[in-house]
C-alpha atoms as a PDB file:
ATOM      1  CA  UNK A   1      45.451  26.839  -1.805  1.00  0.00           C
ATOM      2  CA  UNK A   2      42.497  27.223  -4.491  1.00  0.00           C
ATOM      3  CA  UNK A   3      42.701  23.237  -5.518  1.00  0.00           C
ATOM      4  CA  UNK A   4      42.528  22.401  -1.840  1.00  0.00           C
ATOM      5  CA  UNK A   5      39.139  24.674  -1.344  1.00  0.00           C
ATOM      6  CA  UNK A   6      37.878  23.472  -4.769  1.00  0.00           C
ATOM      7  CA  UNK A   7      38.407  19.881  -4.071  1.00  0.00           C
ATOM      8  CA  UNK A   8      36.455  20.475  -0.550  1.00  0.00           C
ATOM      9  CA  UNK A   9      33.556  22.259  -1.976  1.00  0.00           C
ATOM     10  CA  UNK A  10      33.194  19.362  -4.606  1.00  0.00           C
ATOM     11  CA  UNK A  11      33.298  16.874  -1.756  1.00  0.00           C
ATOM     12  CA  UNK A  12      30.841  18.507  -0.286  1.00  0.00           C
ATOM     13  CA  UNK A  13      28.546  18.775  -3.649  1.00  0.00           C
ATOM     14  CA  UNK A  14      29.197  15.657  -3.863  1.00  0.00           C
ATOM     15  CA  UNK A  15      27.738  14.354  -0.527  1.00  0.00           C
ATOM     16  CA  UNK A  16      24.857  16.622  -0.781  1.00  0.00           C
ATOM     17  CA  UNK A  17      23.602  15.271  -3.881  1.00  0.00           C
ATOM     18  CA  UNK A  18      24.318  11.788  -2.789  1.00  0.00           C
ATOM     19  CA  UNK A  19      21.947  12.395  -0.165  1.00  0.00           C
ATOM     20  CA  UNK A  20      19.297  13.588  -2.174  1.00  0.00           C
ATOM     21  CA  UNK A  21      19.721  10.761  -4.208  1.00  0.00           C
ATOM     22  CA  UNK A  22      19.462   8.223  -1.794  1.00  0.00           C
ATOM     23  CA  UNK A  23      16.561   9.970  -0.473  1.00  0.00           C
ATOM     24  CA  UNK A  24      14.754   9.335  -4.007  1.00  0.00           C
ATOM     25  CA  UNK A  25      15.719   6.007  -4.840  1.00  0.00           C
ATOM     26  CA  UNK A  26      14.241   5.359  -0.816  1.00  0.00           C
ATOM     27  CA  UNK A  27      10.938   6.950  -1.718  1.00  0.00           C
ATOM     28  CA  UNK A  28      10.655   4.960  -5.365  1.00  0.00           C
ATOM     29  CA  UNK A  29      11.523   1.754  -3.496  1.00  0.00           C
ATOM     30  CA  UNK A  30       9.226   2.123  -1.087  1.00  0.00           C
ATOM     31  CA  UNK A  31       6.013   3.422  -3.137  1.00  0.00           C
ATOM     32  CA  UNK A  32       6.712   0.452  -5.384  1.00  0.00           C
ATOM     33  CA  UNK A  33       6.906  -1.828  -2.429  1.00  0.00           C
ATOM     34  CA  UNK A  34       3.703  -0.493  -0.830  1.00  0.00           C
ATOM     35  CA  UNK A  35       1.844  -0.792  -3.994  1.00  0.00           C
ATOM     36  CA  UNK A  36       2.933  -4.581  -4.504  1.00  0.00           C
ATOM     37  CA  UNK A  37       2.117  -5.105  -0.982  1.00  0.00           C
ATOM     38  CA  UNK A  38      -1.655  -3.768  -1.130  1.00  0.00           C
ATOM     39  CA  UNK A  39      -2.517  -5.520  -4.310  1.00  0.00           C
ATOM     40  CA  UNK A  40      -0.995  -8.850  -2.903  1.00  0.00           C
ATOM     41  CA  UNK A  41      -3.003  -8.245   0.739  1.00  0.00           C
ATOM     42  CA  UNK A  42      -6.371  -6.950  -1.589  1.00  0.00           C
ATOM     43  CA  UNK A  43      -6.097 -10.871  -3.427  1.00  0.00           C
ATOM     44  CA  UNK A  44      -5.787 -12.095  -0.066  1.00  0.00           C
ATOM     45  CA  UNK A  45      -8.490 -10.451   1.456  1.00  0.00           C
ATOM     46  CA  UNK A  46     -10.768 -11.213  -1.648  1.00  0.00           C
ATOM     47  CA  UNK A  47     -10.118 -15.150  -0.323  1.00  0.00           C
ATOM     48  CA  UNK A  48     -12.376 -15.003   2.709  1.00  0.00           C
ATOM     49  CA  UNK A  49     -15.695 -15.951   1.093  1.00  0.00           C
ATOM     50  CA  UNK A  50     -18.836 -16.918   2.784  1.00  0.00           C
ATOM     51  CA  UNK A  51     -19.124 -20.519   1.665  1.00  0.00           C
ATOM     52  CA  UNK A  52     -23.115 -20.929   2.753  1.00  0.00           C
ATOM     53  CA  UNK A  53     -23.876 -17.375   0.386  1.00  0.00           C
ATOM     54  CA  UNK A  54     -21.475 -19.139  -2.591  1.00  0.00           C
ATOM     55  CA  UNK A  55     -23.459 -22.123  -2.253  1.00  0.00           C
ATOM     56  CA  UNK A  56     -26.918 -19.943  -3.017  1.00  0.00           C
ATOM     57  CA  UNK A  57     -24.787 -18.793  -5.978  1.00  0.00           C
ATOM     58  CA  UNK A  58     -23.732 -14.946  -4.395  1.00  0.00           C
ATOM     59  CA  UNK A  59     -20.009 -14.254  -3.867  1.00  0.00           C
ATOM     60  CA  UNK A  60     -20.111 -12.589  -0.254  1.00  0.00           C
ATOM     61  CA  UNK A  61     -17.149 -11.498   1.455  1.00  0.00           C
ATOM     62  CA  UNK A  62     -16.569 -12.468   5.434  1.00  0.00           C
ATOM     63  CA  UNK A  63     -15.607  -9.175   6.431  1.00  0.00           C
ATOM     64  CA  UNK A  64     -13.640  -9.716   9.335  1.00  0.00           C
ATOM     65  CA  UNK A  65     -11.843 -13.012   7.986  1.00  0.00           C
ATOM     66  CA  UNK A  66     -10.863 -10.623   4.816  1.00  0.00           C
ATOM     67  CA  UNK A  67      -9.712  -7.875   7.010  1.00  0.00           C
ATOM     68  CA  UNK A  68      -7.364  -9.977   9.032  1.00  0.00           C
ATOM     69  CA  UNK A  69      -6.224 -11.445   5.606  1.00  0.00           C
ATOM     70  CA  UNK A  70      -5.355  -8.238   4.848  1.00  0.00           C
ATOM     71  CA  UNK A  71      -3.475  -7.491   7.803  1.00  0.00           C
ATOM     72  CA  UNK A  72      -0.915 -10.491   7.662  1.00  0.00           C
ATOM     73  CA  UNK A  73      -0.631  -9.961   4.171  1.00  0.00           C
ATOM     74  CA  UNK A  74       0.582  -6.480   4.521  1.00  0.00           C
ATOM     75  CA  UNK A  75       2.873  -7.754   7.976  1.00  0.00           C
ATOM     76  CA  UNK A  76       4.504 -10.455   5.589  1.00  0.00           C
ATOM     77  CA  UNK A  77       5.463  -8.649   3.041  1.00  0.00           C
ATOM     78  CA  UNK A  78       6.209  -5.179   4.609  1.00  0.00           C
ATOM     79  CA  UNK A  79       7.609  -6.692   7.736  1.00  0.00           C
ATOM     80  CA  UNK A  80       5.426  -5.432  10.304  1.00  0.00           C
ATOM     81  CA  UNK A  81       3.981  -6.452  13.722  1.00  0.00           C
ATOM     82  CA  UNK A  82       0.924  -7.028  14.284  1.00  0.00           C
ATOM     83  CA  UNK A  83       0.024  -3.464  15.129  1.00  0.00           C
ATOM     84  CA  UNK A  84       1.552  -2.869  11.193  1.00  0.00           C
ATOM     85  CA  UNK A  85       4.401  -1.059  12.788  1.00  0.00           C
ATOM     86  CA  UNK A  86       7.679  -1.904  11.273  1.00  0.00           C
ATOM     87  CA  UNK A  87      10.374  -4.682  12.828  1.00  0.00           C
ATOM     88  CA  UNK A  88      13.571  -3.822  12.814  1.00  0.00           C
ATOM     89  CA  UNK A  89      14.437  -5.585   9.152  1.00  0.00           C
ATOM     90  CA  UNK A  90      11.583  -3.148   7.644  1.00  0.00           C
ATOM     91  CA  UNK A  91      12.957  -0.694   4.990  1.00  0.00           C
ATOM     92  CA  UNK A  92       9.940   1.219   6.684  1.00  0.00           C
ATOM     93  CA  UNK A  93      10.318   3.542   9.597  1.00  0.00           C
ATOM     94  CA  UNK A  94       6.439   4.544  10.470  1.00  0.00           C
ATOM     95  CA  UNK A  95       3.519   2.495  11.036  1.00  0.00           C
ATOM     96  CA  UNK A  96       1.534   1.626   7.877  1.00  0.00           C
ATOM     97  CA  UNK A  97      -2.578   2.687   8.495  1.00  0.00           C
ATOM     98  CA  UNK A  98      -4.905   1.281   6.802  1.00  0.00           C
ATOM     99  CA  UNK A  99      -6.433   4.087   5.470  1.00  0.00           C
ATOM    100  CA  UNK A 100      -9.812   2.546   3.683  1.00  0.00           C
ATOM    101  CA  UNK A 101     -11.407  -0.795   3.091  1.00  0.00           C
ATOM    102  CA  UNK A 102     -14.455  -1.341   1.587  1.00  0.00           C
ATOM    103  CA  UNK A 103     -16.450  -5.095   0.509  1.00  0.00           C
ATOM    104  CA  UNK A 104     -18.532  -4.554  -2.645  1.00  0.00           C
ATOM    105  CA  UNK A 105     -20.137  -7.840  -3.188  1.00  0.00           C
ATOM    106  CA  UNK A 106     -23.468  -9.248  -4.044  1.00  0.00           C
ATOM    107  CA  UNK A 107     -25.379  -8.174  -1.086  1.00  0.00           C
ATOM    108  CA  UNK A 108     -24.996  -4.552  -2.272  1.00  0.00           C
ATOM    109  CA  UNK A 109     -24.503  -4.189  -5.755  1.00  0.00           C
ATOM    110  CA  UNK A 110     -25.352  -5.412  -9.354  1.00  0.00           C
ATOM    111  CA  UNK A 111     -22.639  -5.667 -11.731  1.00  0.00           C
ATOM    112  CA  UNK A 112     -21.125  -4.360 -13.814  1.00  0.00           C
ATOM    113  CA  UNK A 113     -20.926  -1.233 -11.099  1.00  0.00           C
ATOM    114  CA  UNK A 114     -19.390   1.981 -11.520  1.00  0.00           C
ATOM    115  CA  UNK A 115     -17.394   2.800  -8.240  1.00  0.00           C
ATOM    116  CA  UNK A 116     -16.822   6.249  -7.157  1.00  0.00           C
ATOM    117  CA  UNK A 117     -14.554   7.039  -4.308  1.00  0.00           C
ATOM    118  CA  UNK A 118     -14.417  11.029  -4.049  1.00  0.00           C
ATOM    119  CA  UNK A 119     -11.652  10.783  -1.038  1.00  0.00           C
ATOM    120  CA  UNK A 120      -9.084   8.691  -2.653  1.00  0.00           C
ATOM    121  CA  UNK A 121     -10.033   9.686  -6.378  1.00  0.00           C
ATOM    122  CA  UNK A 122     -10.763   5.938  -7.184  1.00  0.00           C
ATOM    123  CA  UNK A 123     -13.368   5.786  -9.948  1.00  0.00           C
ATOM    124  CA  UNK A 124     -13.825   2.038 -11.586  1.00  0.00           C
ATOM    125  CA  UNK A 125     -15.933   0.082 -13.307  1.00  0.00           C
ATOM    126  CA  UNK A 126     -16.497  -3.182 -11.284  1.00  0.00           C
ATOM    127  CA  UNK A 127     -17.280  -6.074 -13.305  1.00  0.00           C
ATOM    128  CA  UNK A 128     -17.740  -8.342 -10.161  1.00  0.00           C
ATOM    129  CA  UNK A 129     -17.454  -8.413  -6.597  1.00  0.00           C
ATOM    130  CA  UNK A 130     -14.408  -6.170  -5.433  1.00  0.00           C
ATOM    131  CA  UNK A 131     -12.171  -5.064  -2.632  1.00  0.00           C
ATOM    132  CA  UNK A 132     -10.859  -1.616  -2.449  1.00  0.00           C
ATOM    133  CA  UNK A 133      -7.798  -0.620  -0.442  1.00  0.00           C
ATOM    134  CA  UNK A 134      -6.225   2.276   0.366  1.00  0.00           C
ATOM    135  CA  UNK A 135      -2.730   1.855   2.593  1.00  0.00           C
ATOM    136  CA  UNK A 136      -0.426   4.547   3.605  1.00  0.00           C
ATOM    137  CA  UNK A 137       3.071   5.557   5.702  1.00  0.00           C
ATOM    138  CA  UNK A 138       5.584   7.925   5.692  1.00  0.00           C
ATOM    139  CA  UNK A 139       8.165   7.644   3.209  1.00  0.00           C
ATOM    140  CA  UNK A 140      11.537   6.306   5.229  1.00  0.00           C
ATOM    141  CA  UNK A 141      14.256   8.756   5.371  1.00  0.00           C
ATOM    142  CA  UNK A 142      17.829   7.600   6.281  1.00  0.00           C
ATOM    143  CA  UNK A 143      19.431  11.176   5.690  1.00  0.00           C
ATOM    144  CA  UNK A 144      18.138  14.448   6.491  1.00  0.00           C
ATOM    145  CA  UNK A 145      14.957  15.851   4.753  1.00  0.00           C
ATOM    146  CA  UNK A 146      11.125  15.607   5.488  1.00  0.00           C
ATOM    147  CA  UNK A 147       9.184  12.616   5.131  1.00  0.00           C
ATOM    148  CA  UNK A 148       6.404  12.554   2.040  1.00  0.00           C
ATOM    149  CA  UNK A 149       3.422  10.666   2.771  1.00  0.00           C
ATOM    150  CA  UNK A 150       3.156   7.581   0.811  1.00  0.00           C
ATOM    151  CA  UNK A 151      -0.725   6.253  -0.486  1.00  0.00           C
ATOM    152  CA  UNK A 152      -1.401   3.694  -2.532  1.00  0.00           C
ATOM    153  CA  UNK A 153      -4.924   1.865  -3.504  1.00  0.00           C
ATOM    154  CA  UNK A 154      -5.792  -1.447  -4.771  1.00  0.00           C
ATOM    155  CA  UNK A 155      -8.630  -2.344  -6.097  1.00  0.00           C
ATOM    156  CA  UNK A 156      -9.052  -6.739  -6.322  1.00  0.00           C
ATOM    157  CA  UNK A 157     -12.070  -8.436  -8.145  1.00  0.00           C
ATOM    158  CA  UNK A 158     -13.417 -11.108  -9.585  1.00  0.00           C
ATOM    159  CA  UNK A 159     -14.639 -10.952 -13.268  1.00  0.00           C
ATOM    160  CA  UNK A 160     -17.406 -13.197 -14.264  1.00  0.00           C
END
């Protein structure tokens, strides 16, 4: 009888540890994927350049097109719909939110430029026109446990 109780307790302990491990692995995977996606999306957004300003020697972002590129890139890489809600085959379970997007180009700064954002603890020396993006979502949970917020930031800059 003692061996049966011991086996049951060890099985419960194993199940508990596996649940925690699965949640931790999901957190790590979701964080890594979110970071990769925001870096790719910031790059894709930076491709929207105003060609008329470029002819004048200034690199200026077309902010509407850049924001559209950013959203489309996030949709593709994270498997989201147009509202940034996850599709059925996405790792994520909740909406991805673009918390912050900022364009620093030749119309508003001279480079090198020290960028500081106290809301997101971002400090960077920018050597050229740049796009700063911050996105977030709750970490997915497949077993019991509280969802933790994941926030990732990316700064994509042109260097001359």
